[in-house]
N, C-alpha and C. Protein backbone atom coordinates (compact mmCIF):
# COMPACT_ATOMS: atom_id res chain seq x y z
N MET A 1 0.84 -1.19 0.00
CA MET A 1 0.00 0.00 0.00
C MET A 1 0.88 1.25 0.00
N PHE A 2 0.48 2.28 -0.76
CA PHE A 2 1.27 3.49 -0.76
C PHE A 2 0.90 4.35 0.43
N LYS A 3 1.84 5.18 0.85
CA LYS A 3 1.62 6.06 1.98
C LYS A 3 0.58 7.10 1.61
N ARG A 4 -0.35 7.36 2.50
CA ARG A 4 -1.43 8.28 2.20
C ARG A 4 -1.01 9.72 2.55
N PHE A 5 -1.31 10.62 1.64
CA PHE A 5 -1.04 12.04 1.83
C PHE A 5 -2.35 12.81 1.69
N SER A 6 -2.35 14.01 2.15
CA SER A 6 -3.54 14.85 2.02
C SER A 6 -3.70 15.26 0.57
N TYR A 7 -4.87 14.99 -0.01
CA TYR A 7 -5.10 15.33 -1.41
C TYR A 7 -5.27 16.84 -1.61
N THR A 8 -5.41 17.58 -0.52
CA THR A 8 -5.53 19.02 -0.64
C THR A 8 -4.16 19.67 -0.72
N ASP A 9 -3.10 18.91 -0.44
CA ASP A 9 -1.74 19.42 -0.50
C ASP A 9 -1.24 19.27 -1.94
N ARG A 10 -1.08 20.37 -2.65
CA ARG A 10 -0.71 20.31 -4.05
C ARG A 10 0.77 19.95 -4.23
N ARG A 11 1.49 19.80 -3.13
CA ARG A 11 2.89 19.40 -3.22
C ARG A 11 3.01 17.88 -3.13
N PHE A 12 2.04 17.19 -3.62
CA PHE A 12 1.97 15.74 -3.58
C PHE A 12 3.21 15.15 -4.25
N PRO A 13 3.96 14.24 -3.56
CA PRO A 13 5.27 13.78 -4.06
C PRO A 13 5.16 12.74 -5.17
N THR A 14 4.62 13.15 -6.31
CA THR A 14 4.36 12.22 -7.40
C THR A 14 5.62 11.50 -7.85
N ASN A 15 6.74 12.23 -8.05
CA ASN A 15 7.93 11.61 -8.59
C ASN A 15 8.46 10.50 -7.70
N ASN A 16 8.46 10.71 -6.38
CA ASN A 16 8.94 9.68 -5.46
C ASN A 16 8.09 8.43 -5.54
N MET A 17 6.78 8.59 -5.62
CA MET A 17 5.90 7.43 -5.66
C MET A 17 6.03 6.70 -6.99
N ALA A 18 6.24 7.43 -8.07
CA ALA A 18 6.45 6.80 -9.38
C ALA A 18 7.74 6.00 -9.36
N GLU A 19 8.76 6.53 -8.74
CA GLU A 19 10.04 5.83 -8.65
C GLU A 19 9.89 4.55 -7.83
N LYS A 20 9.09 4.61 -6.75
CA LYS A 20 8.88 3.41 -5.92
C LYS A 20 8.14 2.33 -6.72
N TRP A 21 7.16 2.74 -7.52
CA TRP A 21 6.42 1.77 -8.32
C TRP A 21 7.34 1.14 -9.36
N ASN A 22 8.17 1.96 -10.03
CA ASN A 22 9.10 1.43 -11.01
C ASN A 22 10.10 0.48 -10.36
N SER A 23 10.52 0.83 -9.15
CA SER A 23 11.46 -0.02 -8.42
C SER A 23 10.81 -1.36 -8.08
N ARG A 24 9.53 -1.32 -7.72
CA ARG A 24 8.81 -2.56 -7.41
C ARG A 24 8.70 -3.45 -8.64
N LEU A 25 8.43 -2.84 -9.79
CA LEU A 25 8.36 -3.62 -11.02
C LEU A 25 9.71 -4.24 -11.36
N ASN A 26 10.77 -3.44 -11.21
CA ASN A 26 12.11 -3.92 -11.56
C ASN A 26 12.57 -5.05 -10.66
N SER A 27 12.16 -5.01 -9.39
CA SER A 27 12.61 -6.02 -8.43
C SER A 27 11.78 -7.30 -8.48
N ALA A 28 10.64 -7.27 -9.17
CA ALA A 28 9.78 -8.45 -9.27
C ALA A 28 10.41 -9.51 -10.17
N HIS A 29 10.09 -10.77 -9.90
CA HIS A 29 10.48 -11.84 -10.82
C HIS A 29 9.50 -11.83 -11.98
N LYS A 30 10.03 -11.85 -13.20
CA LYS A 30 9.19 -11.70 -14.38
C LYS A 30 9.39 -12.88 -15.35
N THR A 31 8.30 -13.33 -15.91
CA THR A 31 8.36 -14.26 -17.03
C THR A 31 7.54 -13.66 -18.16
N CYS A 32 7.92 -13.97 -19.39
CA CYS A 32 7.17 -13.38 -20.51
C CYS A 32 7.09 -14.36 -21.68
N ILE A 33 6.07 -14.15 -22.47
CA ILE A 33 5.81 -15.01 -23.62
C ILE A 33 5.10 -14.18 -24.68
N VAL A 34 5.39 -14.45 -25.95
CA VAL A 34 4.65 -13.85 -27.06
C VAL A 34 3.74 -14.92 -27.62
N GLN A 35 2.45 -14.63 -27.62
CA GLN A 35 1.47 -15.65 -27.97
C GLN A 35 0.22 -14.99 -28.53
N GLU A 36 -0.27 -15.48 -29.66
CA GLU A 36 -1.51 -15.00 -30.27
C GLU A 36 -1.53 -13.48 -30.44
N GLY A 37 -0.39 -12.93 -30.87
CA GLY A 37 -0.31 -11.51 -31.15
C GLY A 37 -0.21 -10.63 -29.92
N ARG A 38 0.04 -11.26 -28.76
CA ARG A 38 0.16 -10.48 -27.52
C ARG A 38 1.47 -10.81 -26.82
N ARG A 39 2.01 -9.79 -26.17
CA ARG A 39 3.17 -9.98 -25.30
C ARG A 39 2.64 -10.07 -23.87
N LYS A 40 2.84 -11.23 -23.25
CA LYS A 40 2.27 -11.49 -21.93
C LYS A 40 3.40 -11.53 -20.89
N ILE A 41 3.24 -10.71 -19.85
CA ILE A 41 4.25 -10.62 -18.81
C ILE A 41 3.62 -10.94 -17.46
N HIS A 42 4.27 -11.82 -16.73
CA HIS A 42 3.80 -12.20 -15.40
C HIS A 42 4.81 -11.73 -14.36
N TYR A 43 4.33 -10.97 -13.37
CA TYR A 43 5.17 -10.45 -12.30
C TYR A 43 4.85 -11.19 -11.00
N THR A 44 5.88 -11.59 -10.28
CA THR A 44 5.71 -12.08 -8.91
C THR A 44 6.51 -11.16 -8.01
N PHE A 45 5.81 -10.44 -7.13
CA PHE A 45 6.45 -9.45 -6.27
C PHE A 45 6.99 -10.10 -5.00
N THR A 46 7.84 -9.36 -4.31
CA THR A 46 8.49 -9.90 -3.11
C THR A 46 7.49 -10.20 -2.00
N ASP A 47 6.31 -9.56 -2.03
CA ASP A 47 5.29 -9.83 -1.01
C ASP A 47 4.41 -11.03 -1.37
N GLY A 48 4.69 -11.68 -2.50
CA GLY A 48 3.93 -12.85 -2.90
C GLY A 48 2.77 -12.56 -3.82
N ASN A 49 2.41 -11.29 -4.00
CA ASN A 49 1.33 -10.93 -4.91
C ASN A 49 1.80 -11.06 -6.36
N GLU A 50 0.85 -11.28 -7.26
CA GLU A 50 1.18 -11.46 -8.67
C GLU A 50 0.39 -10.48 -9.54
N MET A 51 0.99 -10.07 -10.64
CA MET A 51 0.32 -9.24 -11.63
C MET A 51 0.63 -9.81 -13.01
N ALA A 52 -0.38 -9.90 -13.84
CA ALA A 52 -0.20 -10.37 -15.22
C ALA A 52 -0.71 -9.30 -16.18
N GLU A 53 0.08 -9.01 -17.19
CA GLU A 53 -0.30 -8.01 -18.20
C GLU A 53 -0.20 -8.63 -19.59
N GLU A 54 -1.06 -8.14 -20.49
CA GLU A 54 -1.00 -8.53 -21.89
C GLU A 54 -1.04 -7.27 -22.75
N TYR A 55 -0.08 -7.17 -23.68
CA TYR A 55 0.01 -6.02 -24.57
C TYR A 55 -0.17 -6.47 -26.02
N ASP A 56 -0.90 -5.68 -26.79
CA ASP A 56 -1.05 -5.95 -28.20
C ASP A 56 0.30 -5.73 -28.89
N GLN A 57 0.76 -6.72 -29.65
CA GLN A 57 2.08 -6.64 -30.27
C GLN A 57 2.17 -5.52 -31.31
N ARG A 58 1.09 -5.24 -32.01
CA ARG A 58 1.13 -4.22 -33.05
C ARG A 58 1.08 -2.81 -32.48
N SER A 59 0.07 -2.55 -31.66
CA SER A 59 -0.16 -1.19 -31.16
C SER A 59 0.62 -0.89 -29.89
N GLY A 60 1.00 -1.94 -29.15
CA GLY A 60 1.65 -1.73 -27.87
C GLY A 60 0.70 -1.37 -26.75
N GLU A 61 -0.62 -1.38 -27.04
CA GLU A 61 -1.60 -1.00 -26.03
C GLU A 61 -1.81 -2.12 -25.01
N LEU A 62 -2.05 -1.71 -23.76
CA LEU A 62 -2.35 -2.65 -22.70
C LEU A 62 -3.76 -3.20 -22.90
N VAL A 63 -3.88 -4.52 -22.96
CA VAL A 63 -5.16 -5.17 -23.18
C VAL A 63 -5.72 -5.73 -21.87
N ILE A 64 -4.85 -6.32 -21.08
CA ILE A 64 -5.27 -6.93 -19.81
C ILE A 64 -4.25 -6.62 -18.72
N ARG A 65 -4.74 -6.27 -17.55
CA ARG A 65 -3.92 -6.25 -16.34
C ARG A 65 -4.77 -6.87 -15.24
N LYS A 66 -4.25 -7.90 -14.61
CA LYS A 66 -5.01 -8.57 -13.55
C LYS A 66 -4.07 -8.89 -12.39
N TRP A 67 -4.67 -9.03 -11.20
CA TRP A 67 -3.92 -9.26 -9.98
C TRP A 67 -4.39 -10.53 -9.28
N ARG A 68 -3.44 -11.20 -8.65
CA ARG A 68 -3.77 -12.33 -7.78
C ARG A 68 -3.04 -12.10 -6.45
N LYS A 69 -3.82 -11.86 -5.41
CA LYS A 69 -3.27 -11.53 -4.10
C LYS A 69 -2.87 -12.79 -3.35
N LYS A 70 -1.83 -12.65 -2.55
CA LYS A 70 -1.39 -13.74 -1.70
C LYS A 70 -2.47 -14.05 -0.67
N GLY A 71 -2.73 -15.32 -0.40
CA GLY A 71 -3.77 -15.72 0.53
C GLY A 71 -3.46 -15.31 1.96
N THR A 72 -4.48 -15.33 2.81
CA THR A 72 -4.35 -14.93 4.21
C THR A 72 -3.30 -15.73 4.94
N PHE A 73 -3.17 -17.01 4.63
CA PHE A 73 -2.24 -17.89 5.32
C PHE A 73 -0.96 -18.12 4.52
N GLY A 74 -0.70 -17.19 3.59
CA GLY A 74 0.54 -17.26 2.83
C GLY A 74 0.48 -18.12 1.59
N ASN A 75 -0.67 -18.76 1.35
CA ASN A 75 -0.80 -19.59 0.16
C ASN A 75 -1.11 -18.75 -1.07
N LYS A 76 -0.89 -19.31 -2.24
CA LYS A 76 -1.18 -18.59 -3.48
C LYS A 76 -2.68 -18.44 -3.66
N GLY A 77 -3.13 -17.24 -4.04
CA GLY A 77 -4.54 -17.02 -4.30
C GLY A 77 -5.02 -17.84 -5.49
N THR A 78 -6.30 -18.06 -5.56
CA THR A 78 -6.85 -18.90 -6.63
C THR A 78 -7.54 -18.10 -7.73
N SER A 79 -7.97 -16.88 -7.45
CA SER A 79 -8.71 -16.11 -8.45
C SER A 79 -7.98 -14.83 -8.81
N TRP A 80 -8.22 -14.38 -10.03
CA TRP A 80 -7.62 -13.15 -10.54
C TRP A 80 -8.65 -12.03 -10.51
N ASP A 81 -8.21 -10.83 -10.11
CA ASP A 81 -9.04 -9.63 -10.15
C ASP A 81 -8.57 -8.77 -11.31
N PHE A 82 -9.49 -8.45 -12.23
CA PHE A 82 -9.12 -7.71 -13.43
C PHE A 82 -9.14 -6.20 -13.15
N GLU A 83 -8.03 -5.55 -13.43
CA GLU A 83 -7.93 -4.09 -13.34
C GLU A 83 -8.21 -3.48 -14.71
N VAL A 84 -7.73 -4.12 -15.76
CA VAL A 84 -7.96 -3.70 -17.14
C VAL A 84 -8.39 -4.93 -17.93
N GLY A 85 -9.39 -4.76 -18.81
CA GLY A 85 -9.90 -5.89 -19.57
C GLY A 85 -10.89 -6.70 -18.75
N GLU A 86 -11.28 -7.84 -19.27
CA GLU A 86 -12.27 -8.66 -18.59
C GLU A 86 -12.03 -10.13 -18.88
N GLN A 87 -12.52 -10.95 -17.99
CA GLN A 87 -12.42 -12.39 -18.15
C GLN A 87 -13.53 -12.86 -19.06
N LEU A 88 -13.18 -13.53 -20.13
CA LEU A 88 -14.17 -13.95 -21.13
C LEU A 88 -14.77 -15.29 -20.74
N MET A 89 -15.65 -15.24 -19.75
CA MET A 89 -16.34 -16.43 -19.30
C MET A 89 -17.59 -16.00 -18.55
N ALA A 90 -18.48 -16.92 -18.27
CA ALA A 90 -19.70 -16.61 -17.53
C ALA A 90 -19.33 -16.08 -16.16
N ARG A 91 -20.00 -15.01 -15.73
CA ARG A 91 -19.71 -14.38 -14.46
C ARG A 91 -20.80 -14.67 -13.45
N ASN A 92 -20.37 -14.65 -12.18
CA ASN A 92 -21.29 -14.69 -11.05
C ASN A 92 -22.25 -15.89 -11.07
N LEU A 93 -21.68 -17.07 -11.17
CA LEU A 93 -22.50 -18.27 -11.05
C LEU A 93 -22.76 -18.57 -9.59
N ASP A 94 -24.03 -18.80 -9.21
CA ASP A 94 -24.31 -19.13 -7.83
C ASP A 94 -24.26 -20.64 -7.64
N SER A 95 -24.58 -21.10 -6.45
CA SER A 95 -24.44 -22.52 -6.12
C SER A 95 -25.33 -23.41 -6.96
N GLU A 96 -26.39 -22.85 -7.55
CA GLU A 96 -27.30 -23.65 -8.37
C GLU A 96 -26.98 -23.51 -9.85
N GLY A 97 -25.88 -22.83 -10.16
CA GLY A 97 -25.49 -22.69 -11.56
C GLY A 97 -26.28 -21.65 -12.31
N MET A 98 -26.97 -20.75 -11.61
CA MET A 98 -27.72 -19.68 -12.27
C MET A 98 -26.78 -18.54 -12.61
N MET A 99 -26.91 -17.99 -13.80
CA MET A 99 -26.04 -16.93 -14.24
C MET A 99 -26.72 -15.58 -14.10
N GLU A 100 -25.92 -14.57 -13.74
CA GLU A 100 -26.43 -13.21 -13.63
C GLU A 100 -27.01 -12.76 -14.96
N SER A 101 -28.08 -12.01 -14.91
CA SER A 101 -28.75 -11.55 -16.12
C SER A 101 -27.79 -10.79 -17.02
N SER A 102 -27.82 -11.14 -18.32
CA SER A 102 -26.95 -10.48 -19.29
C SER A 102 -27.37 -9.05 -19.57
N SER A 103 -28.51 -8.64 -19.03
CA SER A 103 -29.00 -7.28 -19.24
C SER A 103 -28.49 -6.32 -18.16
N ASN A 104 -27.83 -6.84 -17.12
CA ASN A 104 -27.29 -5.98 -16.08
C ASN A 104 -26.13 -5.16 -16.61
N PRO A 105 -25.93 -3.93 -16.09
CA PRO A 105 -24.78 -3.13 -16.53
C PRO A 105 -23.46 -3.85 -16.28
N ILE A 106 -22.55 -3.77 -17.24
CA ILE A 106 -21.24 -4.41 -17.13
C ILE A 106 -20.18 -3.32 -17.24
N PHE A 107 -19.35 -3.20 -16.21
CA PHE A 107 -18.34 -2.15 -16.11
C PHE A 107 -16.98 -2.74 -16.45
N VAL A 108 -16.36 -2.23 -17.52
CA VAL A 108 -15.08 -2.77 -17.98
C VAL A 108 -14.13 -1.62 -18.34
N ARG A 109 -12.88 -1.78 -17.94
CA ARG A 109 -11.87 -0.79 -18.32
C ARG A 109 -11.12 -1.27 -19.55
N LYS A 110 -11.03 -0.41 -20.57
CA LYS A 110 -10.28 -0.70 -21.79
C LYS A 110 -9.54 0.57 -22.19
N ASP A 111 -8.22 0.58 -21.97
CA ASP A 111 -7.43 1.79 -22.17
C ASP A 111 -7.00 1.98 -23.62
N THR A 112 -6.57 3.22 -23.92
CA THR A 112 -5.89 3.53 -25.17
C THR A 112 -4.50 4.05 -24.80
N LYS A 113 -3.70 4.35 -25.80
CA LYS A 113 -2.36 4.87 -25.54
C LYS A 113 -2.42 6.21 -24.81
N GLU A 114 -3.43 7.02 -25.09
CA GLU A 114 -3.48 8.38 -24.57
C GLU A 114 -4.44 8.55 -23.40
N ALA A 115 -5.27 7.55 -23.12
CA ALA A 115 -6.30 7.76 -22.10
C ALA A 115 -6.66 6.46 -21.39
N PHE A 116 -7.11 6.61 -20.13
CA PHE A 116 -7.81 5.54 -19.44
C PHE A 116 -9.25 5.57 -19.95
N GLN A 117 -9.84 4.42 -20.12
CA GLN A 117 -11.20 4.42 -20.65
C GLN A 117 -12.02 3.28 -20.02
N TRP A 118 -13.26 3.62 -19.70
CA TRP A 118 -14.19 2.64 -19.13
C TRP A 118 -15.44 2.59 -19.99
N ARG A 119 -15.97 1.39 -20.14
CA ARG A 119 -17.20 1.19 -20.89
C ARG A 119 -18.21 0.49 -19.99
N ILE A 120 -19.38 1.08 -19.88
CA ILE A 120 -20.46 0.47 -19.10
C ILE A 120 -21.53 0.04 -20.09
N ARG A 121 -21.60 -1.25 -20.32
CA ARG A 121 -22.55 -1.80 -21.28
C ARG A 121 -23.91 -2.03 -20.62
N ASN A 122 -24.94 -2.14 -21.45
CA ASN A 122 -26.32 -2.39 -20.99
C ASN A 122 -26.84 -1.25 -20.13
N ILE A 123 -26.55 -0.03 -20.53
CA ILE A 123 -27.03 1.13 -19.79
C ILE A 123 -27.59 2.12 -20.82
N PRO A 124 -28.90 2.09 -21.07
CA PRO A 124 -29.49 2.69 -22.26
C PRO A 124 -29.84 4.18 -22.19
N TYR A 125 -29.70 4.79 -21.03
CA TYR A 125 -30.20 6.16 -20.87
C TYR A 125 -29.39 7.15 -21.71
N PRO A 126 -30.03 8.23 -22.18
CA PRO A 126 -29.32 9.23 -23.00
C PRO A 126 -28.23 9.93 -22.20
N LEU A 127 -27.29 10.53 -22.91
CA LEU A 127 -26.10 11.09 -22.29
C LEU A 127 -26.40 12.13 -21.21
N HIS A 128 -27.45 12.94 -21.40
CA HIS A 128 -27.73 14.02 -20.46
C HIS A 128 -28.15 13.50 -19.07
N VAL A 129 -28.48 12.22 -18.99
CA VAL A 129 -28.90 11.63 -17.71
C VAL A 129 -27.71 11.40 -16.79
N TYR A 130 -26.51 11.26 -17.35
CA TYR A 130 -25.34 10.88 -16.56
C TYR A 130 -24.58 12.08 -16.04
N SER A 131 -24.08 11.92 -14.82
CA SER A 131 -23.16 12.89 -14.21
C SER A 131 -21.90 12.14 -13.83
N VAL A 132 -20.77 12.57 -14.36
CA VAL A 132 -19.49 11.91 -14.08
C VAL A 132 -18.55 12.97 -13.48
N THR A 133 -18.26 12.82 -12.19
CA THR A 133 -17.51 13.86 -11.49
C THR A 133 -16.37 13.28 -10.67
N VAL A 134 -15.38 14.13 -10.41
CA VAL A 134 -14.25 13.77 -9.55
C VAL A 134 -14.55 14.17 -8.12
N ASP A 135 -14.40 13.23 -7.20
CA ASP A 135 -14.48 13.52 -5.77
C ASP A 135 -13.08 13.91 -5.32
N ASP A 136 -12.85 15.20 -5.12
CA ASP A 136 -11.50 15.69 -4.80
C ASP A 136 -10.98 15.14 -3.47
N ASP A 137 -11.86 14.98 -2.50
CA ASP A 137 -11.42 14.50 -1.18
C ASP A 137 -10.99 13.04 -1.22
N LYS A 138 -11.79 12.20 -1.87
CA LYS A 138 -11.49 10.76 -1.89
C LYS A 138 -10.72 10.35 -3.13
N GLN A 139 -10.52 11.30 -4.08
CA GLN A 139 -9.81 11.02 -5.31
C GLN A 139 -10.38 9.80 -6.03
N LYS A 140 -11.69 9.86 -6.24
CA LYS A 140 -12.38 8.85 -7.01
C LYS A 140 -13.31 9.52 -8.02
N ILE A 141 -13.72 8.74 -9.02
CA ILE A 141 -14.67 9.23 -10.02
C ILE A 141 -16.03 8.63 -9.69
N THR A 142 -17.05 9.48 -9.69
CA THR A 142 -18.40 9.05 -9.36
C THR A 142 -19.31 9.18 -10.57
N ILE A 143 -20.06 8.12 -10.84
CA ILE A 143 -21.06 8.13 -11.91
C ILE A 143 -22.44 8.10 -11.26
N ARG A 144 -23.29 9.06 -11.63
CA ARG A 144 -24.67 9.09 -11.15
C ARG A 144 -25.60 9.29 -12.34
N THR A 145 -26.82 8.82 -12.19
CA THR A 145 -27.84 9.13 -13.19
C THR A 145 -28.96 9.92 -12.51
N SER A 146 -29.51 10.88 -13.25
CA SER A 146 -30.56 11.72 -12.68
C SER A 146 -31.83 10.91 -12.38
N ASN A 147 -31.99 9.77 -13.03
CA ASN A 147 -33.17 8.92 -12.76
C ASN A 147 -32.89 7.91 -11.65
N LYS A 148 -31.68 8.00 -11.05
CA LYS A 148 -31.28 7.15 -9.91
C LYS A 148 -31.31 5.65 -10.25
N LYS A 149 -31.02 5.35 -11.49
CA LYS A 149 -30.98 3.95 -11.92
C LYS A 149 -29.58 3.35 -11.86
N TYR A 150 -28.57 4.20 -11.76
CA TYR A 150 -27.19 3.69 -11.73
C TYR A 150 -26.32 4.61 -10.91
N TYR A 151 -25.43 3.97 -10.13
CA TYR A 151 -24.47 4.72 -9.31
C TYR A 151 -23.21 3.87 -9.17
N LYS A 152 -22.06 4.49 -9.36
CA LYS A 152 -20.80 3.79 -9.16
C LYS A 152 -19.70 4.78 -8.83
N LYS A 153 -18.81 4.37 -7.93
CA LYS A 153 -17.64 5.17 -7.57
C LYS A 153 -16.41 4.30 -7.73
N PHE A 154 -15.39 4.81 -8.40
CA PHE A 154 -14.20 4.00 -8.65
C PHE A 154 -12.94 4.89 -8.69
N ALA A 155 -11.82 4.26 -8.42
CA ALA A 155 -10.53 4.94 -8.45
C ALA A 155 -9.78 4.54 -9.73
N ILE A 156 -8.68 5.21 -10.00
CA ILE A 156 -7.77 4.82 -11.08
C ILE A 156 -6.49 4.34 -10.41
N PRO A 157 -6.29 3.03 -10.28
CA PRO A 157 -5.12 2.52 -9.55
C PRO A 157 -3.79 3.07 -10.05
N ASP A 158 -3.67 3.28 -11.37
CA ASP A 158 -2.42 3.82 -11.92
C ASP A 158 -2.10 5.17 -11.31
N MET A 159 -3.13 6.01 -11.15
CA MET A 159 -2.94 7.34 -10.58
C MET A 159 -2.61 7.24 -9.09
N GLU A 160 -3.27 6.32 -8.39
CA GLU A 160 -3.00 6.13 -6.98
C GLU A 160 -1.57 5.67 -6.75
N ARG A 161 -1.08 4.78 -7.60
CA ARG A 161 0.25 4.22 -7.41
C ARG A 161 1.35 5.26 -7.47
N ILE A 162 1.14 6.33 -8.25
CA ILE A 162 2.17 7.36 -8.34
C ILE A 162 1.74 8.66 -7.65
N GLY A 163 0.57 8.65 -7.00
CA GLY A 163 0.12 9.82 -6.25
C GLY A 163 -0.28 11.00 -7.10
N SER A 164 -0.79 10.74 -8.31
CA SER A 164 -1.20 11.82 -9.20
C SER A 164 -2.66 12.18 -8.94
N LEU A 165 -2.95 13.46 -8.80
CA LEU A 165 -4.30 13.92 -8.49
C LEU A 165 -5.21 13.89 -9.71
N LEU A 166 -6.46 13.53 -9.48
CA LEU A 166 -7.45 13.53 -10.54
C LEU A 166 -7.90 14.95 -10.86
N SER A 167 -8.29 15.17 -12.10
CA SER A 167 -8.77 16.48 -12.54
C SER A 167 -10.04 16.33 -13.35
N GLN A 168 -11.06 17.09 -13.00
CA GLN A 168 -12.32 17.05 -13.73
C GLN A 168 -12.13 17.40 -15.21
N ASP A 169 -11.15 18.26 -15.50
CA ASP A 169 -10.91 18.70 -16.87
C ASP A 169 -10.48 17.58 -17.79
N ASN A 170 -10.00 16.48 -17.24
CA ASN A 170 -9.49 15.39 -18.07
C ASN A 170 -10.57 14.37 -18.45
N ILE A 171 -11.80 14.58 -17.98
CA ILE A 171 -12.88 13.61 -18.21
C ILE A 171 -13.73 13.99 -19.41
N ASN A 172 -14.01 13.01 -20.26
CA ASN A 172 -14.96 13.16 -21.35
C ASN A 172 -15.91 11.97 -21.35
N THR A 173 -17.15 12.20 -21.77
CA THR A 173 -18.13 11.11 -21.81
C THR A 173 -18.82 11.06 -23.17
N ALA A 174 -19.25 9.86 -23.51
CA ALA A 174 -20.01 9.65 -24.74
C ALA A 174 -20.95 8.47 -24.50
N HIS A 175 -21.98 8.36 -25.34
CA HIS A 175 -22.93 7.26 -25.19
C HIS A 175 -23.37 6.78 -26.56
N ALA A 176 -23.26 5.46 -26.77
CA ALA A 176 -23.68 4.87 -28.04
C ALA A 176 -23.94 3.39 -27.84
N ASN A 177 -24.93 2.88 -28.55
CA ASN A 177 -25.24 1.44 -28.51
C ASN A 177 -25.41 0.91 -27.09
N ASN A 178 -26.17 1.66 -26.29
CA ASN A 178 -26.45 1.27 -24.90
C ASN A 178 -25.20 1.16 -24.05
N THR A 179 -24.16 1.90 -24.42
CA THR A 179 -22.89 1.86 -23.69
C THR A 179 -22.44 3.28 -23.34
N LEU A 180 -22.16 3.52 -22.06
CA LEU A 180 -21.58 4.78 -21.63
C LEU A 180 -20.07 4.64 -21.68
N ILE A 181 -19.41 5.58 -22.34
CA ILE A 181 -17.95 5.56 -22.49
C ILE A 181 -17.38 6.74 -21.72
N ILE A 182 -16.52 6.45 -20.76
CA ILE A 182 -15.86 7.48 -19.96
C ILE A 182 -14.38 7.47 -20.29
N THR A 183 -13.86 8.60 -20.69
CA THR A 183 -12.45 8.70 -21.06
C THR A 183 -11.76 9.70 -20.14
N TYR A 184 -10.61 9.29 -19.62
CA TYR A 184 -9.81 10.18 -18.76
C TYR A 184 -8.44 10.33 -19.41
N LYS A 185 -8.13 11.53 -19.85
CA LYS A 185 -6.85 11.80 -20.51
C LYS A 185 -5.70 11.56 -19.55
N LYS A 186 -4.74 10.75 -19.98
CA LYS A 186 -3.60 10.45 -19.12
C LYS A 186 -2.72 11.69 -18.94
N PRO A 187 -2.37 12.01 -17.69
CA PRO A 187 -1.49 13.16 -17.46
C PRO A 187 -0.06 12.85 -17.90
N ARG A 188 0.75 13.87 -17.98
CA ARG A 188 2.12 13.75 -18.47
C ARG A 188 2.92 12.72 -17.68
N GLU A 189 2.77 12.71 -16.34
CA GLU A 189 3.58 11.80 -15.54
C GLU A 189 3.24 10.34 -15.81
N ILE A 190 1.97 10.06 -16.14
CA ILE A 190 1.58 8.70 -16.48
C ILE A 190 2.19 8.31 -17.83
N LEU A 191 2.11 9.20 -18.81
CA LEU A 191 2.66 8.91 -20.13
C LEU A 191 4.15 8.69 -20.06
N GLU A 192 4.85 9.47 -19.24
CA GLU A 192 6.29 9.32 -19.09
C GLU A 192 6.63 7.98 -18.44
N MET A 193 5.86 7.59 -17.42
CA MET A 193 6.10 6.33 -16.75
C MET A 193 5.85 5.16 -17.69
N GLU A 194 4.75 5.22 -18.45
CA GLU A 194 4.44 4.14 -19.37
C GLU A 194 5.48 4.03 -20.48
N LYS A 195 6.04 5.16 -20.88
CA LYS A 195 7.10 5.14 -21.89
C LYS A 195 8.33 4.42 -21.36
N LYS A 196 8.69 4.68 -20.10
CA LYS A 196 9.85 4.02 -19.49
C LYS A 196 9.62 2.52 -19.39
N ILE A 197 8.40 2.13 -18.97
CA ILE A 197 8.09 0.71 -18.85
C ILE A 197 8.14 0.04 -20.21
N SER A 198 7.62 0.72 -21.24
CA SER A 198 7.64 0.17 -22.60
C SER A 198 9.06 -0.02 -23.09
N GLU A 199 9.94 0.92 -22.79
CA GLU A 199 11.34 0.81 -23.19
C GLU A 199 12.02 -0.36 -22.51
N GLU A 200 11.68 -0.58 -21.24
CA GLU A 200 12.25 -1.72 -20.51
C GLU A 200 11.74 -3.04 -21.07
N MET A 201 10.46 -3.08 -21.45
CA MET A 201 9.89 -4.31 -22.00
C MET A 201 10.58 -4.71 -23.30
N LYS A 202 10.98 -3.70 -24.10
CA LYS A 202 11.62 -3.99 -25.38
C LYS A 202 12.98 -4.64 -25.19
N LYS A 203 13.57 -4.49 -24.01
CA LYS A 203 14.87 -5.07 -23.72
C LYS A 203 14.77 -6.53 -23.27
N LEU A 204 13.56 -6.99 -23.00
CA LEU A 204 13.38 -8.31 -22.43
C LEU A 204 13.29 -9.38 -23.51
N LYS A 205 13.85 -10.53 -23.19
CA LYS A 205 13.72 -11.68 -24.07
C LYS A 205 12.37 -12.34 -23.81
N ALA A 206 11.74 -12.82 -24.85
CA ALA A 206 10.47 -13.53 -24.68
C ALA A 206 10.46 -14.77 -25.53
N SER A 207 9.80 -15.78 -25.07
CA SER A 207 9.69 -17.05 -25.80
C SER A 207 8.37 -17.11 -26.55
N LYS A 208 8.39 -17.74 -27.69
CA LYS A 208 7.15 -17.98 -28.44
C LYS A 208 6.59 -19.37 -28.14
N ASP A 209 7.32 -20.13 -27.35
CA ASP A 209 6.92 -21.49 -27.05
C ASP A 209 6.50 -21.69 -25.60
N GLY A 210 7.00 -20.86 -24.70
CA GLY A 210 6.69 -21.03 -23.29
C GLY A 210 7.31 -19.93 -22.47
N ASP A 211 7.01 -19.91 -21.19
CA ASP A 211 7.50 -18.88 -20.32
C ASP A 211 9.02 -18.99 -20.14
N VAL A 212 9.67 -17.85 -20.10
CA VAL A 212 11.10 -17.79 -19.80
C VAL A 212 11.32 -16.59 -18.89
N ASP A 213 12.45 -16.60 -18.17
CA ASP A 213 12.79 -15.44 -17.37
C ASP A 213 12.98 -14.23 -18.26
N CYS A 214 12.42 -13.08 -17.86
CA CYS A 214 12.60 -11.86 -18.62
C CYS A 214 13.92 -11.22 -18.19
N THR A 215 14.94 -11.38 -18.99
CA THR A 215 16.24 -10.79 -18.69
C THR A 215 16.66 -9.91 -19.83
N PRO A 216 17.44 -8.85 -19.59
CA PRO A 216 17.85 -7.97 -20.68
C PRO A 216 18.56 -8.73 -21.78
N SER A 217 18.27 -8.36 -23.03
CA SER A 217 18.91 -9.00 -24.16
C SER A 217 20.28 -8.39 -24.42
């Protein structure tokens, strides 16, 4: 967990936190593989937690980022939590094998090179019904509808990891095909960090047949 600072203090130490995150990535054990047009990297951190990422080989865009936390008793966790992308399988099966209605809103993050982006499917209301605002105190984004049919509050983990403050000016919204699209323009410090990570990834050896240690070429 990163150290918490007052979000009202504009002297937020972004550079130090970004350096700590980069250091954590560098110190993790990494394996990588190129498969089905994607570069897949698996990180195992010193605390036992795991992160897996998949990048499109052509565009270099992040397609999936998921986490598996170390279990309470030190054992390896069994399920992955998706931060970016989604698991392509039936969700929320109960003990009787009943599946959640496919008409329920589905919240998924799908980024671009220049922006964080979220898509909420199965939400048919016109654009003027939605309010998407930054909560400055809690540093989260809140989605509300004037008809009180939908409400969600969420953070941007990438921004939290480097201590970068959210800005209302960076948010744009659109609605099409029963999907609300929320776009948050990546700030300069995020773009710089992602550029450094991309440069480091290019130095790594990857196997097309199986996992190998990611070591500089």
